[in-house]
Amino acid sequence: MATLSQEQRKGLQKQGRAMPPSSTNQADSPRFPIKTRKGKSNSLEAAIKAVGRAKPNTDEERAKVRRYIMRVAGRNGWSADIPSTWNSDGSIGG
């Protein structure tokens, strides 16, 4: 699995393809990087699976992460990969 350096993550953040760090600590890296559609790392698929690990571990933060993932997917034509249970506001529903 390829891991990204902090500089690579910052570059993806500038492109809107990684979320800012969850804290104001400069040592923290941007999170949930999305470079590709599928694959083991740095992908839309991996980001979708990782939503439950969002920090802080709150419904509000997980919804924020889902909205970010949906924006990236939409810009890249990958909206069909978004789980059907995700609502546009980032909540989970049926």
N, C-alpha and C. Protein backbone atom coordinates (compact mmCIF):
# COMPACT_ATOMS: atom_id res chain seq x y z
N MET A 1 0.84 -1.16 0.00
CA MET A 1 0.00 0.00 0.00
C MET A 1 0.89 1.24 0.00
N ALA A 2 0.67 2.10 -0.94
CA ALA A 2 1.45 3.33 -1.03
C ALA A 2 0.93 4.36 -0.03
N THR A 3 1.85 4.95 0.69
CA THR A 3 1.46 6.01 1.62
C THR A 3 1.96 7.33 1.07
N LEU A 4 1.21 8.37 1.36
CA LEU A 4 1.56 9.70 0.88
C LEU A 4 2.33 10.45 1.95
N SER A 5 3.27 11.25 1.51
CA SER A 5 3.99 12.12 2.45
C SER A 5 3.06 13.26 2.85
N GLN A 6 3.45 13.96 3.90
CA GLN A 6 2.66 15.10 4.34
C GLN A 6 2.58 16.15 3.23
N GLU A 7 3.66 16.35 2.50
CA GLU A 7 3.66 17.33 1.40
C GLU A 7 2.70 16.91 0.29
N GLN A 8 2.66 15.61 -0.02
CA GLN A 8 1.74 15.12 -1.04
C GLN A 8 0.29 15.33 -0.59
N ARG A 9 0.04 15.06 0.70
CA ARG A 9 -1.31 15.27 1.24
C ARG A 9 -1.69 16.74 1.20
N LYS A 10 -0.73 17.63 1.51
CA LYS A 10 -1.01 19.07 1.45
C LYS A 10 -1.32 19.50 0.02
N GLY A 11 -0.61 18.92 -0.94
CA GLY A 11 -0.89 19.21 -2.34
C GLY A 11 -2.30 18.77 -2.73
N LEU A 12 -2.70 17.59 -2.26
CA LEU A 12 -4.05 17.11 -2.54
C LEU A 12 -5.09 17.99 -1.85
N GLN A 13 -4.76 18.48 -0.65
CA GLN A 13 -5.69 19.37 0.04
C GLN A 13 -5.90 20.65 -0.77
N LYS A 14 -4.83 21.20 -1.32
CA LYS A 14 -4.95 22.41 -2.14
C LYS A 14 -5.83 22.18 -3.37
N GLN A 15 -5.83 20.94 -3.87
CA GLN A 15 -6.65 20.58 -5.03
C GLN A 15 -8.08 20.22 -4.63
N GLY A 16 -8.37 20.20 -3.33
CA GLY A 16 -9.69 19.81 -2.85
C GLY A 16 -9.88 18.31 -2.81
N ARG A 17 -8.77 17.56 -2.78
CA ARG A 17 -8.83 16.10 -2.79
C ARG A 17 -8.33 15.48 -1.50
N ALA A 18 -8.24 16.30 -0.43
CA ALA A 18 -7.93 15.83 0.93
C ALA A 18 -8.50 16.85 1.88
N MET A 19 -9.01 16.38 3.00
CA MET A 19 -9.58 17.28 4.01
C MET A 19 -8.47 17.86 4.87
N PRO A 20 -8.67 19.04 5.43
CA PRO A 20 -7.69 19.60 6.35
C PRO A 20 -7.52 18.68 7.56
N PRO A 21 -6.41 18.80 8.27
CA PRO A 21 -6.24 18.02 9.51
C PRO A 21 -7.38 18.30 10.47
N SER A 22 -7.66 17.34 11.34
CA SER A 22 -8.77 17.51 12.28
C SER A 22 -8.40 18.41 13.45
N SER A 23 -7.12 18.75 13.57
CA SER A 23 -6.68 19.63 14.65
C SER A 23 -5.89 20.79 14.06
N THR A 24 -5.54 21.72 14.90
CA THR A 24 -4.73 22.86 14.46
C THR A 24 -3.24 22.55 14.59
N ASN A 25 -2.91 21.34 14.98
CA ASN A 25 -1.51 20.92 15.12
C ASN A 25 -0.87 20.84 13.73
N GLN A 26 0.16 21.63 13.51
CA GLN A 26 0.83 21.68 12.21
C GLN A 26 1.46 20.35 11.81
N ALA A 27 1.72 19.48 12.78
CA ALA A 27 2.34 18.19 12.48
C ALA A 27 1.33 17.21 11.88
N ASP A 28 0.04 17.48 12.05
CA ASP A 28 -0.98 16.59 11.51
C ASP A 28 -1.09 16.77 10.00
N SER A 29 -1.34 15.68 9.31
CA SER A 29 -1.46 15.71 7.85
C SER A 29 -2.91 15.86 7.44
N PRO A 30 -3.14 16.42 6.24
CA PRO A 30 -4.49 16.39 5.69
C PRO A 30 -4.98 14.95 5.64
N ARG A 31 -6.27 14.77 5.74
CA ARG A 31 -6.83 13.42 5.87
C ARG A 31 -7.81 13.10 4.76
N PHE A 32 -8.12 11.83 4.64
CA PHE A 32 -9.02 11.29 3.62
C PHE A 32 -8.60 11.72 2.20
N PRO A 33 -7.32 11.46 1.83
CA PRO A 33 -6.89 11.82 0.47
C PRO A 33 -7.57 10.93 -0.57
N ILE A 34 -7.92 11.54 -1.69
CA ILE A 34 -8.56 10.79 -2.77
C ILE A 34 -7.83 11.13 -4.07
N LYS A 35 -7.05 10.17 -4.58
CA LYS A 35 -6.33 10.36 -5.84
C LYS A 35 -6.98 9.57 -6.96
N THR A 36 -7.55 8.42 -6.62
CA THR A 36 -8.09 7.52 -7.63
C THR A 36 -9.48 7.05 -7.21
N ARG A 37 -10.12 6.33 -8.10
CA ARG A 37 -11.47 5.83 -7.82
C ARG A 37 -11.44 4.57 -6.97
N LYS A 38 -10.60 3.63 -7.33
CA LYS A 38 -10.55 2.35 -6.62
C LYS A 38 -9.11 2.00 -6.31
N GLY A 39 -8.94 1.13 -5.34
CA GLY A 39 -7.61 0.71 -4.96
C GLY A 39 -7.50 0.66 -3.45
N LYS A 40 -6.35 0.23 -2.98
CA LYS A 40 -6.18 0.03 -1.55
C LYS A 40 -5.91 1.32 -0.78
N SER A 41 -5.27 2.28 -1.41
CA SER A 41 -4.94 3.49 -0.66
C SER A 41 -5.18 4.73 -1.50
N ASN A 42 -5.42 5.83 -0.82
CA ASN A 42 -5.57 7.14 -1.46
C ASN A 42 -6.67 7.13 -2.52
N SER A 43 -7.75 6.37 -2.25
CA SER A 43 -8.81 6.24 -3.23
C SER A 43 -10.15 6.60 -2.63
N LEU A 44 -11.09 6.83 -3.52
CA LEU A 44 -12.47 7.07 -3.11
C LEU A 44 -12.97 5.89 -2.28
N GLU A 45 -12.71 4.70 -2.76
CA GLU A 45 -13.15 3.49 -2.09
C GLU A 45 -12.61 3.42 -0.65
N ALA A 46 -11.33 3.73 -0.48
CA ALA A 46 -10.72 3.70 0.86
C ALA A 46 -11.31 4.78 1.75
N ALA A 47 -11.56 5.96 1.19
CA ALA A 47 -12.13 7.07 1.98
C ALA A 47 -13.52 6.70 2.47
N ILE A 48 -14.33 6.09 1.61
CA ILE A 48 -15.68 5.67 2.00
C ILE A 48 -15.61 4.69 3.17
N LYS A 49 -14.70 3.74 3.09
CA LYS A 49 -14.56 2.74 4.15
C LYS A 49 -14.03 3.34 5.45
N ALA A 50 -13.31 4.46 5.37
CA ALA A 50 -12.66 5.04 6.54
C ALA A 50 -13.51 6.08 7.27
N VAL A 51 -14.70 6.39 6.79
CA VAL A 51 -15.53 7.43 7.41
C VAL A 51 -15.71 7.19 8.91
N GLY A 52 -15.88 5.97 9.31
CA GLY A 52 -16.09 5.64 10.72
C GLY A 52 -14.91 5.96 11.62
N ARG A 53 -13.75 6.20 11.02
CA ARG A 53 -12.55 6.53 11.80
C ARG A 53 -12.32 8.04 11.90
N ALA A 54 -13.28 8.84 11.45
CA ALA A 54 -13.14 10.30 11.49
C ALA A 54 -12.95 10.78 12.93
N LYS A 55 -12.11 11.76 13.09
CA LYS A 55 -11.86 12.37 14.40
C LYS A 55 -12.23 13.83 14.32
N PRO A 56 -12.94 14.36 15.28
CA PRO A 56 -13.48 13.66 16.45
C PRO A 56 -14.58 12.68 16.03
N ASN A 57 -14.80 11.68 16.84
CA ASN A 57 -15.74 10.62 16.53
C ASN A 57 -17.16 11.06 16.88
N THR A 58 -17.72 11.93 16.02
CA THR A 58 -19.07 12.44 16.22
C THR A 58 -19.87 12.27 14.93
N ASP A 59 -21.18 12.26 15.07
CA ASP A 59 -22.05 12.18 13.89
C ASP A 59 -21.80 13.38 12.98
N GLU A 60 -21.62 14.55 13.57
CA GLU A 60 -21.39 15.78 12.80
C GLU A 60 -20.11 15.68 11.97
N GLU A 61 -19.04 15.17 12.55
CA GLU A 61 -17.77 15.04 11.83
C GLU A 61 -17.88 14.01 10.72
N ARG A 62 -18.54 12.88 10.99
CA ARG A 62 -18.70 11.86 9.95
C ARG A 62 -19.55 12.40 8.80
N ALA A 63 -20.56 13.21 9.09
CA ALA A 63 -21.38 13.82 8.04
C ALA A 63 -20.53 14.79 7.21
N LYS A 64 -19.66 15.53 7.87
CA LYS A 64 -18.76 16.46 7.18
C LYS A 64 -17.84 15.69 6.22
N VAL A 65 -17.31 14.57 6.67
CA VAL A 65 -16.44 13.75 5.84
C VAL A 65 -17.22 13.19 4.65
N ARG A 66 -18.44 12.72 4.89
CA ARG A 66 -19.26 12.19 3.79
C ARG A 66 -19.53 13.26 2.74
N ARG A 67 -19.86 14.50 3.18
CA ARG A 67 -20.13 15.59 2.23
C ARG A 67 -18.88 15.88 1.39
N TYR A 68 -17.71 15.89 2.03
CA TYR A 68 -16.45 16.09 1.29
C TYR A 68 -16.26 14.97 0.26
N ILE A 69 -16.45 13.73 0.66
CA ILE A 69 -16.28 12.59 -0.25
C ILE A 69 -17.26 12.71 -1.43
N MET A 70 -18.49 13.08 -1.14
CA MET A 70 -19.48 13.23 -2.22
C MET A 70 -19.10 14.36 -3.18
N ARG A 71 -18.52 15.45 -2.68
CA ARG A 71 -18.07 16.55 -3.55
C ARG A 71 -16.97 16.07 -4.49
N VAL A 72 -15.97 15.39 -3.94
CA VAL A 72 -14.86 14.89 -4.76
C VAL A 72 -15.38 13.90 -5.79
N ALA A 73 -16.24 12.99 -5.36
CA ALA A 73 -16.80 12.00 -6.29
C ALA A 73 -17.59 12.69 -7.40
N GLY A 74 -18.38 13.68 -7.05
CA GLY A 74 -19.18 14.39 -8.04
C GLY A 74 -18.32 15.10 -9.07
N ARG A 75 -17.25 15.77 -8.61
CA ARG A 75 -16.37 16.49 -9.53
C ARG A 75 -15.66 15.55 -10.50
N ASN A 76 -15.48 14.31 -10.09
CA ASN A 76 -14.74 13.36 -10.92
C ASN A 76 -15.63 12.37 -11.66
N GLY A 77 -16.93 12.53 -11.56
CA GLY A 77 -17.84 11.62 -12.25
C GLY A 77 -17.96 10.26 -11.59
N TRP A 78 -17.70 10.20 -10.30
CA TRP A 78 -17.73 8.92 -9.56
C TRP A 78 -18.93 8.82 -8.62
N SER A 79 -19.93 9.63 -8.82
CA SER A 79 -21.07 9.67 -7.89
C SER A 79 -21.75 8.31 -7.74
N ALA A 80 -21.71 7.49 -8.76
CA ALA A 80 -22.34 6.17 -8.69
C ALA A 80 -21.69 5.28 -7.63
N ASP A 81 -20.46 5.62 -7.20
CA ASP A 81 -19.76 4.83 -6.20
C ASP A 81 -20.16 5.19 -4.77
N ILE A 82 -20.90 6.27 -4.59
CA ILE A 82 -21.32 6.70 -3.26
C ILE A 82 -22.42 5.76 -2.77
N PRO A 83 -22.32 5.29 -1.53
CA PRO A 83 -23.36 4.39 -1.00
C PRO A 83 -24.75 5.01 -1.11
N SER A 84 -25.72 4.22 -1.47
CA SER A 84 -27.10 4.72 -1.63
C SER A 84 -27.72 5.15 -0.31
N THR A 85 -27.12 4.78 0.80
CA THR A 85 -27.66 5.15 2.11
C THR A 85 -27.17 6.53 2.56
N TRP A 86 -26.25 7.15 1.80
CA TRP A 86 -25.75 8.48 2.16
C TRP A 86 -26.69 9.54 1.61
N ASN A 87 -27.16 10.43 2.48
CA ASN A 87 -27.98 11.56 2.07
C ASN A 87 -27.09 12.73 1.70
N SER A 88 -27.64 13.66 0.92
CA SER A 88 -26.84 14.81 0.44
C SER A 88 -26.31 15.68 1.57
N ASP A 89 -26.95 15.66 2.74
CA ASP A 89 -26.47 16.45 3.87
C ASP A 89 -25.40 15.71 4.68
N GLY A 90 -25.02 14.52 4.24
CA GLY A 90 -23.99 13.74 4.91
C GLY A 90 -24.51 12.77 5.94
N SER A 91 -25.82 12.81 6.17
CA SER A 91 -26.40 11.87 7.14
C SER A 91 -26.60 10.51 6.47
N ILE A 92 -26.94 9.54 7.27
CA ILE A 92 -27.20 8.19 6.77
C ILE A 92 -28.71 7.97 6.84
N GLY A 93 -29.23 7.42 5.77
CA GLY A 93 -30.67 7.14 5.73
C GLY A 93 -30.96 5.98 4.81
N GLY A 94 -32.20 5.72 4.62
CA GLY A 94 -32.60 4.58 3.80
C GLY A 94 -32.92 4.92 2.40
